[in-house]
N, C-alpha and C. Protein backbone atom coordinates (compact mmCIF):
# COMPACT_ATOMS: atom_id res chain seq x y z
N MET A 1 187.80 140.88 23.51
CA MET A 1 188.56 142.12 23.36
C MET A 1 188.22 143.07 24.49
N ASP A 2 189.26 143.72 25.09
CA ASP A 2 189.00 144.59 26.22
C ASP A 2 189.11 146.06 25.87
N GLY A 3 189.29 146.37 24.58
CA GLY A 3 189.36 147.77 24.17
C GLY A 3 190.73 148.38 24.35
N SER A 4 191.71 147.62 24.91
CA SER A 4 193.01 148.22 25.24
C SER A 4 193.94 148.32 24.05
N ASN A 5 193.61 147.71 22.92
CA ASN A 5 194.52 147.75 21.77
C ASN A 5 194.14 148.81 20.76
N ILE A 6 193.21 149.69 21.12
CA ILE A 6 192.87 150.80 20.25
C ILE A 6 193.75 151.98 20.65
N PRO A 7 194.65 152.44 19.80
CA PRO A 7 195.57 153.49 20.20
C PRO A 7 194.86 154.81 20.45
N ILE A 8 195.35 155.54 21.45
CA ILE A 8 194.81 156.85 21.76
C ILE A 8 195.77 157.92 21.25
N ALA A 9 195.27 158.83 20.45
CA ALA A 9 196.07 159.96 19.98
C ALA A 9 195.87 161.12 20.95
N ARG A 10 196.94 161.81 21.30
CA ARG A 10 196.87 162.86 22.29
C ARG A 10 195.91 163.98 21.89
N MET A 11 195.81 164.25 20.60
CA MET A 11 194.97 165.36 20.15
C MET A 11 193.48 164.99 20.15
N THR A 12 193.17 163.71 20.25
CA THR A 12 191.77 163.29 20.22
C THR A 12 191.50 162.33 21.38
N LEU A 13 191.98 162.69 22.55
CA LEU A 13 191.86 161.79 23.70
C LEU A 13 190.42 161.46 24.07
N PRO A 14 189.50 162.42 24.19
CA PRO A 14 188.12 162.06 24.53
C PRO A 14 187.46 161.19 23.47
N GLU A 15 187.72 161.50 22.18
CA GLU A 15 187.13 160.71 21.10
C GLU A 15 187.63 159.27 21.13
N ALA A 16 188.94 159.11 21.36
CA ALA A 16 189.50 157.77 21.39
C ALA A 16 189.01 157.00 22.62
N ALA A 17 188.90 157.69 23.76
CA ALA A 17 188.36 157.04 24.95
C ALA A 17 186.91 156.62 24.73
N ALA A 18 186.15 157.46 24.04
CA ALA A 18 184.77 157.13 23.73
C ALA A 18 184.70 155.89 22.84
N GLU A 19 185.62 155.78 21.87
CA GLU A 19 185.62 154.62 20.98
C GLU A 19 185.96 153.35 21.75
N ARG A 20 186.89 153.45 22.69
CA ARG A 20 187.21 152.28 23.52
C ARG A 20 185.99 151.86 24.34
N LEU A 21 185.34 152.83 24.94
CA LEU A 21 184.15 152.52 25.74
C LEU A 21 183.06 151.92 24.88
N ARG A 22 182.90 152.45 23.66
CA ARG A 22 181.88 151.93 22.74
C ARG A 22 182.15 150.45 22.45
N THR A 23 183.42 150.10 22.24
CA THR A 23 183.78 148.71 21.98
C THR A 23 183.48 147.83 23.19
N LEU A 24 183.80 148.32 24.38
CA LEU A 24 183.52 147.56 25.59
C LEU A 24 182.02 147.32 25.77
N ILE A 25 181.21 148.32 25.41
CA ILE A 25 179.75 148.17 25.52
C ILE A 25 179.24 147.19 24.47
N ILE A 26 179.69 147.35 23.23
CA ILE A 26 179.23 146.47 22.15
C ILE A 26 179.55 145.01 22.46
N GLU A 27 180.77 144.76 22.95
CA GLU A 27 181.22 143.39 23.15
C GLU A 27 180.83 142.83 24.51
N GLY A 28 180.08 143.61 25.30
CA GLY A 28 179.52 143.09 26.54
C GLY A 28 180.41 143.18 27.76
N ALA A 29 181.61 143.77 27.62
CA ALA A 29 182.47 143.93 28.79
C ALA A 29 181.87 144.92 29.78
N LEU A 30 181.09 145.87 29.25
CA LEU A 30 180.28 146.76 30.08
C LEU A 30 178.83 146.42 29.77
N ALA A 31 178.17 145.77 30.69
CA ALA A 31 176.86 145.18 30.44
C ALA A 31 175.74 146.23 30.48
N PRO A 32 174.62 145.94 29.83
CA PRO A 32 173.46 146.84 29.92
C PRO A 32 173.08 147.08 31.37
N GLY A 33 172.89 148.34 31.72
CA GLY A 33 172.51 148.69 33.08
C GLY A 33 173.68 148.88 34.03
N ALA A 34 174.92 148.58 33.58
CA ALA A 34 176.08 148.69 34.46
C ALA A 34 176.38 150.14 34.79
N LYS A 35 176.67 150.41 36.07
CA LYS A 35 177.13 151.73 36.48
C LYS A 35 178.64 151.80 36.28
N LEU A 36 179.12 152.90 35.72
CA LEU A 36 180.52 153.01 35.35
C LEU A 36 181.33 153.61 36.50
N ASN A 37 182.42 152.94 36.84
CA ASN A 37 183.32 153.38 37.89
C ASN A 37 184.44 154.21 37.24
N GLU A 38 184.45 155.50 37.50
CA GLU A 38 185.42 156.38 36.84
C GLU A 38 186.85 155.99 37.15
N ARG A 39 187.16 155.70 38.40
CA ARG A 39 188.54 155.37 38.77
C ARG A 39 189.01 154.13 38.02
N GLU A 40 188.18 153.09 38.01
CA GLU A 40 188.56 151.85 37.32
C GLU A 40 188.74 152.08 35.82
N LEU A 41 187.85 152.86 35.22
CA LEU A 41 187.94 153.09 33.78
C LEU A 41 189.13 153.98 33.43
N CYS A 42 189.46 154.92 34.28
CA CYS A 42 190.66 155.74 34.05
C CYS A 42 191.89 154.85 33.99
N GLU A 43 191.97 153.90 34.93
CA GLU A 43 193.11 152.98 34.95
C GLU A 43 193.09 152.05 33.74
N ARG A 44 191.92 151.58 33.40
CA ARG A 44 191.79 150.62 32.30
C ARG A 44 192.13 151.25 30.96
N LEU A 45 191.72 152.50 30.77
CA LEU A 45 191.93 153.18 29.48
C LEU A 45 193.18 154.03 29.46
N GLY A 46 193.77 154.27 30.63
CA GLY A 46 194.97 155.09 30.68
C GLY A 46 194.72 156.56 30.42
N VAL A 47 193.57 157.06 30.92
CA VAL A 47 193.23 158.47 30.74
C VAL A 47 192.86 159.07 32.09
N SER A 48 192.83 160.38 32.14
CA SER A 48 192.41 161.07 33.35
C SER A 48 190.90 161.24 33.35
N ARG A 49 190.36 161.78 34.42
CA ARG A 49 188.91 161.90 34.54
C ARG A 49 188.32 162.92 33.57
N THR A 50 189.07 163.95 33.22
CA THR A 50 188.51 164.97 32.33
C THR A 50 188.15 164.41 30.96
N PRO A 51 189.09 163.73 30.24
CA PRO A 51 188.69 163.15 28.95
C PRO A 51 187.69 162.01 29.10
N LEU A 52 187.75 161.28 30.23
CA LEU A 52 186.79 160.20 30.43
C LEU A 52 185.38 160.76 30.55
N ARG A 53 185.22 161.83 31.29
CA ARG A 53 183.89 162.42 31.44
C ARG A 53 183.39 163.02 30.13
N GLU A 54 184.31 163.55 29.33
CA GLU A 54 183.91 164.05 28.01
C GLU A 54 183.46 162.88 27.13
N ALA A 55 184.15 161.75 27.26
CA ALA A 55 183.74 160.55 26.52
C ALA A 55 182.36 160.09 26.97
N PHE A 56 182.10 160.16 28.27
CA PHE A 56 180.77 159.83 28.77
C PHE A 56 179.71 160.70 28.10
N ARG A 57 180.00 162.00 28.00
CA ARG A 57 179.02 162.92 27.40
C ARG A 57 178.78 162.57 25.93
N MET A 58 179.85 162.20 25.22
CA MET A 58 179.70 161.81 23.82
C MET A 58 178.80 160.58 23.68
N LEU A 59 179.04 159.58 24.51
CA LEU A 59 178.26 158.35 24.40
C LEU A 59 176.84 158.54 24.91
N ALA A 60 176.66 159.46 25.85
CA ALA A 60 175.29 159.79 26.27
C ALA A 60 174.54 160.43 25.11
N GLY A 61 175.25 161.26 24.33
CA GLY A 61 174.63 161.86 23.16
C GLY A 61 174.26 160.84 22.10
N ASP A 62 175.01 159.73 22.05
CA ASP A 62 174.70 158.65 21.11
C ASP A 62 173.63 157.70 21.64
N GLY A 63 173.20 157.91 22.88
CA GLY A 63 172.18 157.04 23.45
C GLY A 63 172.72 155.76 24.06
N LEU A 64 174.06 155.68 24.26
CA LEU A 64 174.64 154.47 24.84
C LEU A 64 174.74 154.54 26.36
N LEU A 65 174.85 155.74 26.90
CA LEU A 65 174.95 155.95 28.34
C LEU A 65 173.86 156.91 28.78
N VAL A 66 173.52 156.81 30.05
CA VAL A 66 172.67 157.81 30.68
C VAL A 66 173.46 158.37 31.86
N GLN A 67 173.49 159.68 31.97
CA GLN A 67 174.21 160.32 33.06
C GLN A 67 173.23 160.68 34.17
N LEU A 68 173.46 160.11 35.34
CA LEU A 68 172.55 160.25 36.46
C LEU A 68 173.04 161.36 37.39
N PRO A 69 172.20 162.30 37.76
CA PRO A 69 172.62 163.39 38.65
C PRO A 69 173.23 162.86 39.94
N ASN A 70 174.47 163.26 40.20
CA ASN A 70 175.19 162.88 41.43
C ASN A 70 175.45 161.38 41.56
N ARG A 71 175.22 160.63 40.48
CA ARG A 71 175.43 159.17 40.56
C ARG A 71 176.27 158.63 39.40
N GLY A 72 176.84 159.51 38.60
CA GLY A 72 177.71 159.06 37.52
C GLY A 72 176.96 158.61 36.29
N ALA A 73 177.60 157.75 35.51
CA ALA A 73 177.05 157.29 34.24
C ALA A 73 176.71 155.81 34.30
N GLN A 74 175.73 155.42 33.50
CA GLN A 74 175.26 154.04 33.46
C GLN A 74 175.01 153.63 32.01
N VAL A 75 175.35 152.39 31.66
CA VAL A 75 175.10 151.87 30.32
C VAL A 75 173.59 151.74 30.13
N VAL A 76 173.10 152.21 29.00
CA VAL A 76 171.68 152.12 28.71
C VAL A 76 171.27 150.66 28.53
N ALA A 77 170.12 150.30 29.06
CA ALA A 77 169.55 148.97 28.88
C ALA A 77 168.21 149.11 28.18
N LEU A 78 168.16 148.74 26.91
CA LEU A 78 166.91 148.83 26.17
C LEU A 78 165.95 147.72 26.60
N SER A 79 164.68 148.04 26.64
CA SER A 79 163.67 147.01 26.88
C SER A 79 163.45 146.23 25.58
N ALA A 80 162.79 145.10 25.70
CA ALA A 80 162.46 144.32 24.50
C ALA A 80 161.60 145.13 23.54
N ASP A 81 160.66 145.90 24.08
CA ASP A 81 159.81 146.73 23.22
C ASP A 81 160.64 147.80 22.52
N ASP A 82 161.55 148.45 23.26
CA ASP A 82 162.41 149.47 22.67
C ASP A 82 163.24 148.87 21.52
N ALA A 83 163.81 147.70 21.78
CA ALA A 83 164.64 147.05 20.76
C ALA A 83 163.81 146.68 19.54
N GLY A 84 162.64 146.12 19.75
CA GLY A 84 161.79 145.73 18.63
C GLY A 84 161.39 146.91 17.77
N HIS A 85 160.98 148.00 18.40
CA HIS A 85 160.61 149.19 17.64
C HIS A 85 161.80 149.74 16.86
N ALA A 86 162.96 149.75 17.50
CA ALA A 86 164.16 150.29 16.84
C ALA A 86 164.54 149.45 15.62
N PHE A 87 164.45 148.13 15.73
CA PHE A 87 164.78 147.27 14.60
C PHE A 87 163.78 147.44 13.45
N ASP A 88 162.53 147.68 13.76
CA ASP A 88 161.56 147.92 12.69
C ASP A 88 161.94 149.16 11.87
N VAL A 89 162.35 150.21 12.57
CA VAL A 89 162.77 151.42 11.87
C VAL A 89 164.08 151.18 11.13
N MET A 90 165.01 150.47 11.78
CA MET A 90 166.31 150.21 11.17
C MET A 90 166.14 149.40 9.88
N ALA A 91 165.19 148.49 9.85
CA ALA A 91 164.95 147.69 8.65
C ALA A 91 164.57 148.58 7.48
N SER A 92 163.70 149.54 7.72
CA SER A 92 163.30 150.45 6.65
C SER A 92 164.46 151.32 6.19
N LEU A 93 165.25 151.79 7.14
CA LEU A 93 166.39 152.64 6.79
C LEU A 93 167.43 151.87 5.96
N GLU A 94 167.77 150.68 6.41
CA GLU A 94 168.78 149.90 5.68
C GLU A 94 168.24 149.44 4.33
N GLY A 95 166.95 149.15 4.27
CA GLY A 95 166.35 148.79 2.98
C GLY A 95 166.48 149.93 1.99
N LEU A 96 166.19 151.15 2.44
CA LEU A 96 166.33 152.32 1.58
C LEU A 96 167.78 152.53 1.17
N ALA A 97 168.71 152.36 2.12
CA ALA A 97 170.12 152.51 1.80
C ALA A 97 170.54 151.52 0.71
N GLY A 98 170.08 150.30 0.80
CA GLY A 98 170.41 149.31 -0.21
C GLY A 98 169.86 149.68 -1.58
N GLU A 99 168.63 150.16 -1.60
CA GLU A 99 168.01 150.54 -2.88
C GLU A 99 168.78 151.69 -3.53
N LEU A 100 169.15 152.68 -2.73
CA LEU A 100 169.92 153.81 -3.27
C LEU A 100 171.31 153.38 -3.71
N ALA A 101 171.93 152.53 -2.91
CA ALA A 101 173.29 152.08 -3.23
C ALA A 101 173.34 151.31 -4.55
N ALA A 102 172.31 150.51 -4.81
CA ALA A 102 172.29 149.72 -6.05
C ALA A 102 172.29 150.60 -7.28
N ALA A 103 171.75 151.81 -7.16
CA ALA A 103 171.71 152.73 -8.30
C ALA A 103 173.02 153.49 -8.47
N ARG A 104 173.89 153.46 -7.46
CA ARG A 104 175.11 154.28 -7.49
C ARG A 104 176.41 153.48 -7.41
N VAL A 105 176.31 152.19 -7.10
CA VAL A 105 177.50 151.41 -6.83
C VAL A 105 178.40 151.29 -8.07
N THR A 106 179.71 151.28 -7.84
CA THR A 106 180.69 151.11 -8.91
C THR A 106 181.34 149.73 -8.80
N ASP A 107 182.06 149.36 -9.84
CA ASP A 107 182.77 148.09 -9.79
C ASP A 107 183.83 148.09 -8.69
N ASP A 108 184.46 149.25 -8.46
CA ASP A 108 185.45 149.34 -7.37
C ASP A 108 184.78 149.13 -6.02
N ASP A 109 183.58 149.68 -5.86
CA ASP A 109 182.84 149.47 -4.61
C ASP A 109 182.57 147.99 -4.39
N ILE A 110 182.15 147.32 -5.45
CA ILE A 110 181.85 145.89 -5.35
C ILE A 110 183.10 145.12 -4.95
N ALA A 111 184.23 145.45 -5.57
CA ALA A 111 185.48 144.76 -5.24
C ALA A 111 185.85 144.97 -3.77
N ASP A 112 185.68 146.21 -3.28
CA ASP A 112 186.00 146.49 -1.87
C ASP A 112 185.08 145.72 -0.94
N LEU A 113 183.80 145.67 -1.28
CA LEU A 113 182.85 144.96 -0.43
C LEU A 113 183.11 143.46 -0.43
N ARG A 114 183.50 142.93 -1.57
CA ARG A 114 183.82 141.50 -1.62
C ARG A 114 185.07 141.20 -0.78
N ALA A 115 186.02 142.13 -0.77
CA ALA A 115 187.20 141.96 0.07
C ALA A 115 186.81 141.97 1.55
N LEU A 116 185.93 142.90 1.91
CA LEU A 116 185.45 142.94 3.29
C LEU A 116 184.68 141.68 3.65
N GLN A 117 183.87 141.19 2.71
CA GLN A 117 183.14 139.95 2.95
C GLN A 117 184.11 138.80 3.21
N GLY A 118 185.21 138.78 2.44
CA GLY A 118 186.23 137.75 2.66
C GLY A 118 186.83 137.84 4.05
N GLU A 119 187.12 139.05 4.51
CA GLU A 119 187.64 139.24 5.86
C GLU A 119 186.63 138.78 6.90
N MET A 120 185.37 139.11 6.67
CA MET A 120 184.33 138.75 7.62
C MET A 120 184.16 137.24 7.70
N GLU A 121 184.20 136.58 6.55
CA GLU A 121 184.04 135.13 6.55
C GLU A 121 185.25 134.44 7.19
N ALA A 122 186.43 135.04 7.02
CA ALA A 122 187.61 134.48 7.68
C ALA A 122 187.49 134.58 9.20
N ALA A 123 186.98 135.72 9.68
CA ALA A 123 186.77 135.88 11.12
C ALA A 123 185.72 134.90 11.62
N HIS A 124 184.68 134.69 10.82
CA HIS A 124 183.64 133.73 11.18
C HIS A 124 184.21 132.32 11.25
N ALA A 125 185.07 131.97 10.29
CA ALA A 125 185.64 130.62 10.26
C ALA A 125 186.50 130.34 11.49
N ARG A 126 187.16 131.37 12.00
CA ARG A 126 187.99 131.16 13.19
C ARG A 126 187.25 131.51 14.49
N HIS A 127 185.95 131.75 14.36
CA HIS A 127 185.08 132.03 15.52
C HIS A 127 185.52 133.28 16.29
N ASP A 128 185.99 134.26 15.56
CA ASP A 128 186.44 135.52 16.16
C ASP A 128 185.32 136.54 16.01
N LEU A 129 184.40 136.52 16.98
CA LEU A 129 183.22 137.37 16.87
C LEU A 129 183.54 138.87 16.91
N PRO A 130 184.45 139.34 17.77
CA PRO A 130 184.77 140.78 17.74
C PRO A 130 185.28 141.25 16.38
N ALA A 131 186.21 140.48 15.77
CA ALA A 131 186.72 140.86 14.46
C ALA A 131 185.62 140.78 13.41
N TYR A 132 184.82 139.73 13.48
CA TYR A 132 183.69 139.57 12.55
C TYR A 132 182.78 140.79 12.61
N TYR A 133 182.45 141.20 13.83
CA TYR A 133 181.47 142.27 13.95
C TYR A 133 182.04 143.61 13.51
N ARG A 134 183.33 143.83 13.72
CA ARG A 134 183.94 145.07 13.24
C ARG A 134 183.87 145.16 11.72
N VAL A 135 184.14 144.04 11.03
CA VAL A 135 184.06 144.05 9.56
C VAL A 135 182.60 144.16 9.12
N ASN A 136 181.72 143.50 9.84
CA ASN A 136 180.28 143.61 9.54
C ASN A 136 179.84 145.07 9.57
N ARG A 137 180.24 145.79 10.60
CA ARG A 137 179.91 147.22 10.70
C ARG A 137 180.48 147.99 9.51
N ALA A 138 181.71 147.64 9.13
CA ALA A 138 182.35 148.33 8.00
C ALA A 138 181.57 148.11 6.70
N ILE A 139 181.04 146.90 6.52
CA ILE A 139 180.26 146.61 5.31
C ILE A 139 179.00 147.46 5.28
N HIS A 140 178.28 147.51 6.39
CA HIS A 140 177.04 148.30 6.43
C HIS A 140 177.34 149.80 6.30
N ASP A 141 178.43 150.24 6.92
CA ASP A 141 178.82 151.65 6.78
C ASP A 141 179.15 151.98 5.33
N ARG A 142 179.82 151.05 4.65
CA ARG A 142 180.19 151.28 3.25
C ARG A 142 178.93 151.32 2.38
N LEU A 143 177.98 150.46 2.67
CA LEU A 143 176.72 150.47 1.91
C LEU A 143 176.02 151.82 2.07
N ASN A 144 176.00 152.34 3.30
CA ASN A 144 175.38 153.64 3.54
C ASN A 144 176.14 154.75 2.82
N ALA A 145 177.47 154.65 2.78
CA ALA A 145 178.26 155.66 2.08
C ALA A 145 177.98 155.65 0.58
N ILE A 146 177.83 154.45 0.01
CA ILE A 146 177.54 154.33 -1.42
C ILE A 146 176.17 154.93 -1.73
N ALA A 147 175.23 154.78 -0.78
CA ALA A 147 173.88 155.34 -0.98
C ALA A 147 173.92 156.85 -1.14
N ALA A 148 174.93 157.50 -0.57
CA ALA A 148 175.20 158.93 -0.78
C ALA A 148 174.04 159.83 -0.36
N ASN A 149 173.42 159.47 0.75
CA ASN A 149 172.37 160.31 1.31
C ASN A 149 172.76 160.62 2.76
N PRO A 150 173.31 161.81 3.01
CA PRO A 150 173.84 162.10 4.35
C PRO A 150 172.79 162.08 5.45
N VAL A 151 171.56 162.44 5.14
CA VAL A 151 170.50 162.39 6.15
C VAL A 151 170.22 160.94 6.55
N LEU A 152 170.15 160.08 5.55
CA LEU A 152 169.94 158.65 5.81
C LEU A 152 171.11 158.07 6.59
N ALA A 153 172.33 158.40 6.19
CA ALA A 153 173.51 157.88 6.86
C ALA A 153 173.53 158.29 8.33
N HIS A 154 173.18 159.55 8.59
CA HIS A 154 173.15 160.04 9.98
C HIS A 154 172.10 159.28 10.79
N ALA A 155 170.92 159.08 10.21
CA ALA A 155 169.85 158.36 10.91
C ALA A 155 170.27 156.92 11.22
N CYS A 156 170.92 156.27 10.26
CA CYS A 156 171.39 154.90 10.48
C CYS A 156 172.42 154.83 11.59
N ARG A 157 173.39 155.77 11.56
CA ARG A 157 174.43 155.77 12.59
C ARG A 157 173.83 156.00 13.97
N ALA A 158 172.92 156.97 14.07
CA ALA A 158 172.33 157.31 15.36
C ALA A 158 171.54 156.14 15.95
N LEU A 159 170.75 155.48 15.12
CA LEU A 159 169.93 154.38 15.62
C LEU A 159 170.78 153.14 15.88
N ASN A 160 171.70 152.87 14.99
CA ASN A 160 172.53 151.68 15.15
C ASN A 160 173.42 151.76 16.37
N ALA A 161 173.81 152.98 16.77
CA ALA A 161 174.65 153.15 17.95
C ALA A 161 174.01 152.48 19.16
N ARG A 162 172.69 152.51 19.22
CA ARG A 162 171.98 151.94 20.36
C ARG A 162 171.75 150.43 20.20
N LEU A 163 171.94 149.91 18.98
CA LEU A 163 171.62 148.51 18.71
C LEU A 163 172.83 147.62 18.57
N HIS A 164 174.03 148.20 18.44
CA HIS A 164 175.20 147.38 18.16
C HIS A 164 175.43 146.28 19.20
N ALA A 165 175.29 146.62 20.48
CA ALA A 165 175.54 145.61 21.51
C ALA A 165 174.57 144.44 21.38
N LEU A 166 173.31 144.75 21.08
CA LEU A 166 172.31 143.68 20.92
C LEU A 166 172.59 142.87 19.65
N ARG A 167 172.98 143.54 18.57
CA ARG A 167 173.30 142.82 17.34
C ARG A 167 174.50 141.91 17.55
N PHE A 168 175.50 142.39 18.27
CA PHE A 168 176.69 141.60 18.57
C PHE A 168 176.30 140.34 19.34
N ARG A 169 175.51 140.51 20.41
CA ARG A 169 175.15 139.38 21.26
C ARG A 169 174.34 138.32 20.51
N SER A 170 173.53 138.73 19.55
CA SER A 170 172.69 137.76 18.84
C SER A 170 173.51 136.76 18.05
N ASN A 171 174.75 137.12 17.69
CA ASN A 171 175.60 136.22 16.93
C ASN A 171 176.20 135.10 17.78
N LEU A 172 175.97 135.14 19.09
CA LEU A 172 176.45 134.05 19.93
C LEU A 172 175.68 132.76 19.65
N ASN A 173 174.52 132.87 19.01
CA ASN A 173 173.78 131.70 18.53
C ASN A 173 174.41 131.30 17.19
N VAL A 174 175.08 130.14 17.16
CA VAL A 174 175.87 129.75 16.01
C VAL A 174 175.02 129.61 14.75
N ALA A 175 173.84 129.03 14.87
CA ALA A 175 172.99 128.84 13.69
C ALA A 175 172.59 130.19 13.09
N LYS A 176 172.25 131.14 13.95
CA LYS A 176 171.86 132.46 13.46
C LYS A 176 173.06 133.21 12.91
N TRP A 177 174.22 133.00 13.50
CA TRP A 177 175.45 133.62 12.98
C TRP A 177 175.74 133.09 11.58
N ASN A 178 175.65 131.77 11.40
CA ASN A 178 175.89 131.18 10.08
C ASN A 178 174.91 131.74 9.04
N LYS A 179 173.65 131.89 9.45
CA LYS A 179 172.64 132.40 8.53
C LYS A 179 172.94 133.85 8.15
N ALA A 180 173.42 134.65 9.11
CA ALA A 180 173.73 136.05 8.83
C ALA A 180 174.87 136.16 7.82
N VAL A 181 175.87 135.28 7.93
CA VAL A 181 176.99 135.30 6.98
C VAL A 181 176.48 135.01 5.57
N ALA A 182 175.63 134.01 5.43
CA ALA A 182 175.08 133.67 4.11
C ALA A 182 174.25 134.82 3.56
N GLU A 183 173.49 135.50 4.42
CA GLU A 183 172.68 136.62 3.97
C GLU A 183 173.56 137.77 3.47
N HIS A 184 174.70 138.01 4.12
CA HIS A 184 175.60 139.06 3.65
C HIS A 184 176.17 138.71 2.28
N ARG A 185 176.44 137.43 2.06
CA ARG A 185 176.93 137.01 0.75
C ARG A 185 175.89 137.32 -0.32
N ASP A 186 174.62 137.04 -0.01
CA ASP A 186 173.54 137.32 -0.95
C ASP A 186 173.38 138.83 -1.18
N MET A 187 173.58 139.62 -0.12
CA MET A 187 173.46 141.08 -0.26
C MET A 187 174.45 141.62 -1.30
N ILE A 188 175.70 141.18 -1.20
CA ILE A 188 176.71 141.70 -2.11
C ILE A 188 176.45 141.22 -3.53
N ALA A 189 176.00 139.98 -3.69
CA ALA A 189 175.66 139.49 -5.02
C ALA A 189 174.51 140.29 -5.62
N THR A 190 173.54 140.62 -4.81
CA THR A 190 172.38 141.40 -5.29
C THR A 190 172.79 142.82 -5.62
N LEU A 191 173.68 143.38 -4.81
CA LEU A 191 174.19 144.73 -5.08
C LEU A 191 174.97 144.72 -6.39
N ALA A 192 175.78 143.69 -6.61
CA ALA A 192 176.56 143.61 -7.84
C ALA A 192 175.66 143.50 -9.07
N ALA A 193 174.47 142.94 -8.89
CA ALA A 193 173.50 142.84 -9.99
C ALA A 193 172.72 144.13 -10.18
N ARG A 194 172.97 145.11 -9.31
CA ARG A 194 172.29 146.43 -9.37
C ARG A 194 170.78 146.28 -9.29
N ASP A 195 170.33 145.31 -8.47
CA ASP A 195 168.90 145.08 -8.31
C ASP A 195 168.46 145.74 -7.01
N GLY A 196 168.09 147.01 -7.10
CA GLY A 196 167.77 147.78 -5.91
C GLY A 196 166.56 147.27 -5.16
N SER A 197 165.53 146.88 -5.88
CA SER A 197 164.31 146.39 -5.24
C SER A 197 164.58 145.10 -4.46
N ALA A 198 165.34 144.19 -5.08
CA ALA A 198 165.64 142.93 -4.42
C ALA A 198 166.55 143.15 -3.21
N LEU A 199 167.49 144.08 -3.33
CA LEU A 199 168.40 144.36 -2.21
C LEU A 199 167.64 144.99 -1.05
N ARG A 200 166.73 145.90 -1.36
CA ARG A 200 165.90 146.50 -0.31
C ARG A 200 165.15 145.42 0.45
N ASP A 201 164.50 144.51 -0.29
CA ASP A 201 163.72 143.45 0.36
C ASP A 201 164.62 142.53 1.18
N LEU A 202 165.80 142.23 0.65
CA LEU A 202 166.73 141.35 1.36
C LEU A 202 167.20 141.98 2.66
N LEU A 203 167.51 143.26 2.62
CA LEU A 203 167.97 143.95 3.83
C LEU A 203 166.85 144.05 4.87
N ILE A 204 165.66 144.30 4.42
CA ILE A 204 164.53 144.36 5.36
C ILE A 204 164.32 143.00 6.03
N ARG A 205 164.38 141.93 5.24
CA ARG A 205 164.24 140.59 5.82
C ARG A 205 165.39 140.30 6.79
N HIS A 206 166.60 140.73 6.41
CA HIS A 206 167.78 140.52 7.26
C HIS A 206 167.60 141.21 8.61
N LEU A 207 167.11 142.44 8.60
CA LEU A 207 166.93 143.17 9.86
C LEU A 207 165.78 142.61 10.68
N HIS A 208 164.73 142.14 10.01
CA HIS A 208 163.64 141.51 10.76
C HIS A 208 164.11 140.21 11.41
N ALA A 209 164.94 139.45 10.69
CA ALA A 209 165.50 138.23 11.28
C ALA A 209 166.42 138.57 12.44
N LYS A 210 167.18 139.64 12.29
CA LYS A 210 168.06 140.08 13.37
C LYS A 210 167.25 140.49 14.59
N LYS A 211 166.13 141.17 14.35
CA LYS A 211 165.26 141.56 15.46
C LYS A 211 164.81 140.33 16.24
N GLN A 212 164.36 139.31 15.53
CA GLN A 212 163.89 138.10 16.20
C GLN A 212 165.02 137.43 16.97
N ALA A 213 166.22 137.42 16.39
CA ALA A 213 167.36 136.82 17.08
C ALA A 213 167.70 137.59 18.35
N VAL A 214 167.64 138.91 18.26
CA VAL A 214 167.93 139.75 19.42
C VAL A 214 166.90 139.54 20.52
N LEU A 215 165.62 139.55 20.15
CA LEU A 215 164.58 139.38 21.16
C LEU A 215 164.67 138.00 21.81
N GLU A 216 165.02 137.00 21.03
CA GLU A 216 165.19 135.66 21.57
C GLU A 216 166.36 135.62 22.54
N THR A 217 167.46 136.29 22.17
CA THR A 217 168.63 136.35 23.05
C THR A 217 168.29 137.06 24.35
N MET A 218 167.58 138.17 24.27
CA MET A 218 167.21 138.91 25.47
C MET A 218 166.36 138.06 26.40
N LYS A 219 165.47 137.29 25.82
CA LYS A 219 164.60 136.43 26.64
C LYS A 219 165.37 135.27 27.25
N ASN A 220 166.17 134.58 26.43
CA ASN A 220 166.86 133.38 26.90
C ASN A 220 167.96 133.68 27.91
N GLU A 221 168.61 134.82 27.74
CA GLU A 221 169.72 135.15 28.64
C GLU A 221 169.29 136.08 29.75
N ASN A 222 168.00 136.37 29.81
CA ASN A 222 167.45 137.21 30.89
C ASN A 222 168.16 138.56 30.95
N MET A 223 168.44 139.14 29.76
CA MET A 223 169.03 140.46 29.71
C MET A 223 168.00 141.48 30.19
N PRO A 224 168.44 142.67 30.59
CA PRO A 224 167.48 143.69 31.02
C PRO A 224 166.42 143.92 29.94
N GLY A 225 165.17 143.91 30.36
CA GLY A 225 164.08 144.12 29.41
C GLY A 225 163.63 142.85 28.73
N GLY A 226 164.27 141.72 29.03
CA GLY A 226 163.95 140.49 28.32
C GLY A 226 162.71 139.79 28.80
N ASN A 227 162.14 140.19 29.91
CA ASN A 227 160.95 139.52 30.42
C ASN A 227 159.68 140.15 29.90
């Protein structure tokens, strides 16, 4: 996916441009450490430099870009240590979200999550990683929404913004991708059972496994920080 099929609304041009750039970063079209060419991106996204630069500022605020004085913007490249530390924190946050969600979830929530799981598994079956990952994000976002703790939700969004590209890349390992799909199936079953303690433990294990997959990917593919 090149980000070109996300419609831009005139009233939210910088926000929409930022979302396109976020997709390009997550899916690897803009690689870690890449310097961004404003002219090329203006042509690619169909926007002028003013909304593009505002989009840069938004993504810099999310920790996805760094703006270099007199040198433009560059995609952030996390080191292996940075990624490992972030996943450790993310595991605790998602574990807490799961525990809270289990106490608040409704039958309608469960039905919606099972529908999303079906979409995700269909994308997995056709090997459509971009579609799979978009639904995967929706599932985790919905779990955080059910937890109904805005401070926790904000912390998850802020930290995950920096990890999405690494999480996406780790699914290129087919065995680990298959395992992640099965783990999501177990998560929804545990949530439906309203077992908060078990869901917390499952999510923590899931994030620790994801951390190992990410670190392995960084090492094997010689990504920035992988040595």
